[in-house]
Amino acid sequence: VDVTRGSGWATPIHVRAVAKEGLIKQRA
């Protein structure tokens, strides 16, 4: 998670989640 200083009372965030995907697609 990236948290960046925004203006005033709003803070931009970037959420990234990564998992390995095998034969059964779990979309983890």
PDB file of all heavy atoms in Angstrom:
ATOM      1  N   VAL A   1       0.852  -1.187   0.000  1.00  0.00           N
ATOM      2  CA  VAL A   1       0.000   0.000   0.000  1.00  0.00           C
ATOM      3  C   VAL A   1       0.886   1.235   0.000  1.00  0.00           C
ATOM      4  O   VAL A   1       1.766   1.380   0.849  1.00  0.00           O
ATOM      5  CB  VAL A   1      -0.955   0.031   1.216  1.00  0.00           C
ATOM      6  CG1 VAL A   1      -1.843   1.269   1.163  1.00  0.00           C
ATOM      7  CG2 VAL A   1      -1.815  -1.227   1.271  1.00  0.00           C
ATOM      8  N   ASP A   2       0.663   2.105  -0.991  1.00  0.00           N
ATOM      9  CA  ASP A   2       1.329   3.411  -1.059  1.00  0.00           C
ATOM     10  C   ASP A   2       0.366   4.445  -0.504  1.00  0.00           C
ATOM     11  O   ASP A   2      -0.791   4.493  -0.915  1.00  0.00           O
ATOM     12  CB  ASP A   2       1.661   3.792  -2.501  1.00  0.00           C
ATOM     13  CG  ASP A   2       2.735   2.916  -3.099  1.00  0.00           C
ATOM     14  OD1 ASP A   2       3.744   2.676  -2.426  1.00  0.00           O
ATOM     15  OD2 ASP A   2       2.556   2.479  -4.254  1.00  0.00           O
ATOM     16  N   VAL A   3       0.862   5.281   0.401  1.00  0.00           N
ATOM     17  CA  VAL A   3       0.072   6.377   0.965  1.00  0.00           C
ATOM     18  C   VAL A   3       0.814   7.660   0.607  1.00  0.00           C
ATOM     19  O   VAL A   3       1.994   7.801   0.923  1.00  0.00           O
ATOM     20  CB  VAL A   3      -0.059   6.235   2.507  1.00  0.00           C
ATOM     21  CG1 VAL A   3      -0.932   7.341   3.075  1.00  0.00           C
ATOM     22  CG2 VAL A   3      -0.602   4.858   2.873  1.00  0.00           C
ATOM     23  N   THR A   4       0.119   8.590  -0.061  1.00  0.00           N
ATOM     24  CA  THR A   4       0.742   9.828  -0.520  1.00  0.00           C
ATOM     25  C   THR A   4       0.021  11.024   0.094  1.00  0.00           C
ATOM     26  O   THR A   4      -1.205  11.052   0.141  1.00  0.00           O
ATOM     27  CB  THR A   4       0.662   9.925  -2.059  1.00  0.00           C
ATOM     28  OG1 THR A   4       1.211   8.729  -2.620  1.00  0.00           O
ATOM     29  CG2 THR A   4       1.424  11.130  -2.574  1.00  0.00           C
ATOM     30  N   ARG A   5       0.811  11.982   0.547  1.00  0.00           N
ATOM     31  CA  ARG A   5       0.208  13.177   1.137  1.00  0.00           C
ATOM     32  C   ARG A   5      -0.602  13.916   0.074  1.00  0.00           C
ATOM     33  O   ARG A   5      -0.116  14.215  -1.002  1.00  0.00           O
ATOM     34  CB  ARG A   5       1.283  14.101   1.704  1.00  0.00           C
ATOM     35  CG  ARG A   5       0.697  15.270   2.501  1.00  0.00           C
ATOM     36  CD  ARG A   5       1.795  16.103   3.143  1.00  0.00           C
ATOM     37  NE  ARG A   5       2.650  15.356   4.043  1.00  0.00           N
ATOM     38  CZ  ARG A   5       2.369  15.094   5.329  1.00  0.00           C
ATOM     39  NH1 ARG A   5       1.229  15.497   5.846  1.00  0.00           N
ATOM     40  NH2 ARG A   5       3.214  14.421   6.070  1.00  0.00           N
ATOM     41  N   GLY A   6      -1.853  14.139   0.382  1.00  0.00           N
ATOM     42  CA  GLY A   6      -2.734  14.859  -0.533  1.00  0.00           C
ATOM     43  C   GLY A   6      -2.949  16.275  -0.037  1.00  0.00           C
ATOM     44  O   GLY A   6      -2.156  16.817   0.736  1.00  0.00           O
ATOM     45  N   SER A   7      -4.040  16.850  -0.458  1.00  0.00           N
ATOM     46  CA  SER A   7      -4.356  18.204  -0.012  1.00  0.00           C
ATOM     47  C   SER A   7      -5.423  18.132   1.068  1.00  0.00           C
ATOM     48  O   SER A   7      -6.491  17.563   0.860  1.00  0.00           O
ATOM     49  CB  SER A   7      -4.853  19.035  -1.188  1.00  0.00           C
ATOM     50  OG  SER A   7      -5.977  18.417  -1.777  1.00  0.00           O
ATOM     51  N   GLY A   8      -5.117  18.680   2.223  1.00  0.00           N
ATOM     52  CA  GLY A   8      -6.096  18.742   3.302  1.00  0.00           C
ATOM     53  C   GLY A   8      -6.512  17.398   3.835  1.00  0.00           C
ATOM     54  O   GLY A   8      -5.692  16.618   4.293  1.00  0.00           O
ATOM     55  N   TRP A   9      -7.817  17.117   3.737  1.00  0.00           N
ATOM     56  CA  TRP A   9      -8.384  15.928   4.348  1.00  0.00           C
ATOM     57  C   TRP A   9      -8.634  14.805   3.356  1.00  0.00           C
ATOM     58  O   TRP A   9      -9.545  14.008   3.534  1.00  0.00           O
ATOM     59  CB  TRP A   9      -9.670  16.295   5.076  1.00  0.00           C
ATOM     60  CG  TRP A   9      -9.364  17.101   6.277  1.00  0.00           C
ATOM     61  CD1 TRP A   9      -9.295  18.459   6.344  1.00  0.00           C
ATOM     62  CD2 TRP A   9      -9.028  16.618   7.571  1.00  0.00           C
ATOM     63  NE1 TRP A   9      -8.946  18.858   7.607  1.00  0.00           N
ATOM     64  CE2 TRP A   9      -8.782  17.731   8.389  1.00  0.00           C
ATOM     65  CE3 TRP A   9      -8.912  15.357   8.135  1.00  0.00           C
ATOM     66  CZ2 TRP A   9      -8.425  17.625   9.717  1.00  0.00           C
ATOM     67  CZ3 TRP A   9      -8.567  15.252   9.465  1.00  0.00           C
ATOM     68  CH2 TRP A   9      -8.323  16.375  10.239  1.00  0.00           C
ATOM     69  N   ALA A  10      -7.849  14.732   2.322  1.00  0.00           N
ATOM     70  CA  ALA A  10      -7.941  13.625   1.366  1.00  0.00           C
ATOM     71  C   ALA A  10      -6.537  13.088   1.115  1.00  0.00           C
ATOM     72  O   ALA A  10      -5.632  13.844   0.782  1.00  0.00           O
ATOM     73  CB  ALA A  10      -8.572  14.089   0.066  1.00  0.00           C
ATOM     74  N   THR A  11      -6.370  11.785   1.320  1.00  0.00           N
ATOM     75  CA  THR A  11      -5.069  11.153   1.144  1.00  0.00           C
ATOM     76  C   THR A  11      -5.168  10.057   0.090  1.00  0.00           C
ATOM     77  O   THR A  11      -5.881   9.068   0.287  1.00  0.00           O
ATOM     78  CB  THR A  11      -4.580  10.550   2.477  1.00  0.00           C
ATOM     79  OG1 THR A  11      -4.500  11.595   3.453  1.00  0.00           O
ATOM     80  CG2 THR A  11      -3.219   9.905   2.325  1.00  0.00           C
ATOM     81  N   PRO A  12      -4.464  10.213  -1.040  1.00  0.00           N
ATOM     82  CA  PRO A  12      -4.470   9.172  -2.071  1.00  0.00           C
ATOM     83  C   PRO A  12      -3.733   7.918  -1.594  1.00  0.00           C
ATOM     84  O   PRO A  12      -2.673   8.010  -0.959  1.00  0.00           O
ATOM     85  CB  PRO A  12      -3.720   9.814  -3.240  1.00  0.00           C
ATOM     86  CG  PRO A  12      -3.693  11.273  -2.955  1.00  0.00           C
ATOM     87  CD  PRO A  12      -3.735  11.404  -1.468  1.00  0.00           C
ATOM     88  N   ILE A  13      -4.316   6.765  -1.903  1.00  0.00           N
ATOM     89  CA  ILE A  13      -3.664   5.491  -1.603  1.00  0.00           C
ATOM     90  C   ILE A  13      -3.684   4.623  -2.859  1.00  0.00           C
ATOM     91  O   ILE A  13      -4.547   4.775  -3.721  1.00  0.00           O
ATOM     92  CB  ILE A  13      -4.339   4.732  -0.439  1.00  0.00           C
ATOM     93  CG1 ILE A  13      -5.797   4.397  -0.774  1.00  0.00           C
ATOM     94  CG2 ILE A  13      -4.216   5.494   0.860  1.00  0.00           C
ATOM     95  CD1 ILE A  13      -6.421   3.399   0.175  1.00  0.00           C
ATOM     96  N   HIS A  14      -2.706   3.744  -2.945  1.00  0.00           N
ATOM     97  CA  HIS A  14      -2.641   2.756  -4.021  1.00  0.00           C
ATOM     98  C   HIS A  14      -2.481   1.399  -3.346  1.00  0.00           C
ATOM     99  O   HIS A  14      -1.529   1.169  -2.600  1.00  0.00           O
ATOM    100  CB  HIS A  14      -1.452   3.035  -4.948  1.00  0.00           C
ATOM    101  CG  HIS A  14      -1.312   2.025  -6.034  1.00  0.00           C
ATOM    102  ND1 HIS A  14      -2.080   2.060  -7.184  1.00  0.00           N
ATOM    103  CD2 HIS A  14      -0.519   0.935  -6.139  1.00  0.00           C
ATOM    104  CE1 HIS A  14      -1.741   1.047  -7.953  1.00  0.00           C
ATOM    105  NE2 HIS A  14      -0.802   0.343  -7.337  1.00  0.00           N
ATOM    106  N   VAL A  15      -3.428   0.502  -3.580  1.00  0.00           N
ATOM    107  CA  VAL A  15      -3.413  -0.842  -2.998  1.00  0.00           C
ATOM    108  C   VAL A  15      -3.052  -1.829  -4.094  1.00  0.00           C
ATOM    109  O   VAL A  15      -3.657  -1.825  -5.170  1.00  0.00           O
ATOM    110  CB  VAL A  15      -4.786  -1.213  -2.396  1.00  0.00           C
ATOM    111  CG1 VAL A  15      -4.790  -2.645  -1.882  1.00  0.00           C
ATOM    112  CG2 VAL A  15      -5.174  -0.238  -1.298  1.00  0.00           C
ATOM    113  N   ARG A  16      -2.051  -2.676  -3.825  1.00  0.00           N
ATOM    114  CA  ARG A  16      -1.634  -3.712  -4.779  1.00  0.00           C
ATOM    115  C   ARG A  16      -1.506  -5.023  -4.012  1.00  0.00           C
ATOM    116  O   ARG A  16      -0.831  -5.077  -2.981  1.00  0.00           O
ATOM    117  CB  ARG A  16      -0.298  -3.339  -5.416  1.00  0.00           C
ATOM    118  CG  ARG A  16       0.279  -4.411  -6.332  1.00  0.00           C
ATOM    119  CD  ARG A  16       1.623  -3.944  -6.916  1.00  0.00           C
ATOM    120  NE  ARG A  16       2.351  -5.009  -7.562  1.00  0.00           N
ATOM    121  CZ  ARG A  16       2.253  -5.322  -8.836  1.00  0.00           C
ATOM    122  NH1 ARG A  16       1.438  -4.642  -9.622  1.00  0.00           N
ATOM    123  NH2 ARG A  16       2.961  -6.310  -9.341  1.00  0.00           N
ATOM    124  N   ALA A  17      -2.147  -6.061  -4.512  1.00  0.00           N
ATOM    125  CA  ALA A  17      -2.022  -7.393  -3.919  1.00  0.00           C
ATOM    126  C   ALA A  17      -1.669  -8.372  -5.031  1.00  0.00           C
ATOM    127  O   ALA A  17      -2.253  -8.327  -6.119  1.00  0.00           O
ATOM    128  CB  ALA A  17      -3.312  -7.808  -3.231  1.00  0.00           C
ATOM    129  N   VAL A  18      -0.697  -9.242  -4.761  1.00  0.00           N
ATOM    130  CA  VAL A  18      -0.211 -10.182  -5.762  1.00  0.00           C
ATOM    131  C   VAL A  18      -0.178 -11.583  -5.152  1.00  0.00           C
ATOM    132  O   VAL A  18       0.312 -11.771  -4.037  1.00  0.00           O
ATOM    133  CB  VAL A  18       1.214  -9.811  -6.237  1.00  0.00           C
ATOM    134  CG1 VAL A  18       1.701 -10.774  -7.300  1.00  0.00           C
ATOM    135  CG2 VAL A  18       1.261  -8.389  -6.747  1.00  0.00           C
ATOM    136  N   ALA A  19      -0.682 -12.559  -5.916  1.00  0.00           N
ATOM    137  CA  ALA A  19      -0.627 -13.960  -5.524  1.00  0.00           C
ATOM    138  C   ALA A  19      -0.283 -14.782  -6.766  1.00  0.00           C
ATOM    139  O   ALA A  19      -0.526 -14.345  -7.890  1.00  0.00           O
ATOM    140  CB  ALA A  19      -1.960 -14.418  -4.952  1.00  0.00           C
ATOM    141  N   LYS A  20       0.276 -15.946  -6.561  1.00  0.00           N
ATOM    142  CA  LYS A  20       0.534 -16.854  -7.679  1.00  0.00           C
ATOM    143  C   LYS A  20      -0.756 -17.594  -8.013  1.00  0.00           C
ATOM    144  O   LYS A  20      -1.519 -17.964  -7.129  1.00  0.00           O
ATOM    145  CB  LYS A  20       1.638 -17.864  -7.320  1.00  0.00           C
ATOM    146  CG  LYS A  20       3.012 -17.243  -7.198  1.00  0.00           C
ATOM    147  CD  LYS A  20       3.485 -16.717  -8.532  1.00  0.00           C
ATOM    148  CE  LYS A  20       4.877 -16.147  -8.453  1.00  0.00           C
ATOM    149  NZ  LYS A  20       5.341 -15.645  -9.744  1.00  0.00           N
ATOM    150  N   GLU A  21      -0.982 -17.782  -9.301  1.00  0.00           N
ATOM    151  CA  GLU A  21      -2.216 -18.407  -9.775  1.00  0.00           C
ATOM    152  C   GLU A  21      -1.865 -19.736 -10.420  1.00  0.00           C
ATOM    153  O   GLU A  21      -1.112 -19.785 -11.391  1.00  0.00           O
ATOM    154  CB  GLU A  21      -2.879 -17.467 -10.795  1.00  0.00           C
ATOM    155  CG  GLU A  21      -4.247 -17.869 -11.185  1.00  0.00           C
ATOM    156  CD  GLU A  21      -5.310 -17.385 -10.216  1.00  0.00           C
ATOM    157  OE1 GLU A  21      -4.987 -16.886  -9.139  1.00  0.00           O
ATOM    158  OE2 GLU A  21      -6.478 -17.523 -10.546  1.00  0.00           O
ATOM    159  N   GLY A  22      -2.402 -20.829  -9.882  1.00  0.00           N
ATOM    160  CA  GLY A  22      -2.166 -22.163 -10.427  1.00  0.00           C
ATOM    161  C   GLY A  22      -3.270 -22.570 -11.390  1.00  0.00           C
ATOM    162  O   GLY A  22      -3.915 -21.730 -12.016  1.00  0.00           O
ATOM    163  N   LEU A  23      -3.494 -23.863 -11.476  1.00  0.00           N
ATOM    164  CA  LEU A  23      -4.522 -24.377 -12.391  1.00  0.00           C
ATOM    165  C   LEU A  23      -5.921 -23.975 -11.967  1.00  0.00           C
ATOM    166  O   LEU A  23      -6.786 -23.729 -12.796  1.00  0.00           O
ATOM    167  CB  LEU A  23      -4.420 -25.904 -12.475  1.00  0.00           C
ATOM    168  CG  LEU A  23      -3.156 -26.438 -13.139  1.00  0.00           C
ATOM    169  CD1 LEU A  23      -3.134 -27.964 -13.054  1.00  0.00           C
ATOM    170  CD2 LEU A  23      -3.070 -25.981 -14.576  1.00  0.00           C
ATOM    171  N   ILE A  24      -6.148 -23.931 -10.665  1.00  0.00           N
ATOM    172  CA  ILE A  24      -7.451 -23.524 -10.158  1.00  0.00           C
ATOM    173  C   ILE A  24      -7.407 -22.015  -9.940  1.00  0.00           C
ATOM    174  O   ILE A  24      -6.652 -21.519  -9.107  1.00  0.00           O
ATOM    175  CB  ILE A  24      -7.798 -24.256  -8.844  1.00  0.00           C
ATOM    176  CG1 ILE A  24      -7.841 -25.752  -9.091  1.00  0.00           C
ATOM    177  CG2 ILE A  24      -9.116 -23.748  -8.280  1.00  0.00           C
ATOM    178  CD1 ILE A  24      -7.965 -26.580  -7.846  1.00  0.00           C
ATOM    179  N   LYS A  25      -8.208 -21.293 -10.684  1.00  0.00           N
ATOM    180  CA  LYS A  25      -8.195 -19.833 -10.616  1.00  0.00           C
ATOM    181  C   LYS A  25      -8.929 -19.356  -9.369  1.00  0.00           C
ATOM    182  O   LYS A  25     -10.144 -19.439  -9.276  1.00  0.00           O
ATOM    183  CB  LYS A  25      -8.849 -19.234 -11.872  1.00  0.00           C
ATOM    184  CG  LYS A  25      -8.223 -19.703 -13.165  1.00  0.00           C
ATOM    185  CD  LYS A  25      -6.758 -19.364 -13.244  1.00  0.00           C
ATOM    186  CE  LYS A  25      -6.147 -19.853 -14.548  1.00  0.00           C
ATOM    187  NZ  LYS A  25      -4.742 -20.111 -14.445  1.00  0.00           N
ATOM    188  N   GLN A  26      -8.169 -18.870  -8.390  1.00  0.00           N
ATOM    189  CA  GLN A  26      -8.749 -18.387  -7.138  1.00  0.00           C
ATOM    190  C   GLN A  26      -8.870 -16.874  -7.098  1.00  0.00           C
ATOM    191  O   GLN A  26      -9.573 -16.335  -6.270  1.00  0.00           O
ATOM    192  CB  GLN A  26      -7.892 -18.853  -5.956  1.00  0.00           C
ATOM    193  CG  GLN A  26      -7.805 -20.343  -5.827  1.00  0.00           C
ATOM    194  CD  GLN A  26      -6.965 -20.728  -4.634  1.00  0.00           C
ATOM    195  OE1 GLN A  26      -7.035 -20.107  -3.583  1.00  0.00           O
ATOM    196  NE2 GLN A  26      -6.161 -21.752  -4.794  1.00  0.00           N
ATOM    197  N   ARG A  27      -8.128 -16.185  -7.954  1.00  0.00           N
ATOM    198  CA  ARG A  27      -8.126 -14.723  -7.995  1.00  0.00           C
ATOM    199  C   ARG A  27      -7.772 -14.133  -6.628  1.00  0.00           C
ATOM    200  O   ARG A  27      -8.340 -13.137  -6.196  1.00  0.00           O
ATOM    201  CB  ARG A  27      -9.470 -14.172  -8.469  1.00  0.00           C
ATOM    202  CG  ARG A  27     -10.005 -14.781  -9.745  1.00  0.00           C
ATOM    203  CD  ARG A  27      -9.318 -14.195 -10.960  1.00  0.00           C
ATOM    204  NE  ARG A  27      -9.951 -14.686 -12.194  1.00  0.00           N
ATOM    205  CZ  ARG A  27      -9.404 -15.585 -12.991  1.00  0.00           C
ATOM    206  NH1 ARG A  27      -8.235 -16.104 -12.707  1.00  0.00           N
ATOM    207  NH2 ARG A  27     -10.009 -15.958 -14.092  1.00  0.00           N
ATOM    208  N   ALA A  28      -6.839 -14.775  -5.947  1.00  0.00           N
ATOM    209  CA  ALA A  28      -6.481 -14.367  -4.585  1.00  0.00           C
ATOM    210  C   ALA A  28      -5.901 -12.963  -4.536  1.00  0.00           C
ATOM    211  O   ALA A  28      -6.153 -12.219  -3.588  1.00  0.00           O
ATOM    212  CB  ALA A  28      -5.500 -15.362  -3.970  1.00  0.00           C
TER     213      ALA A  28
END
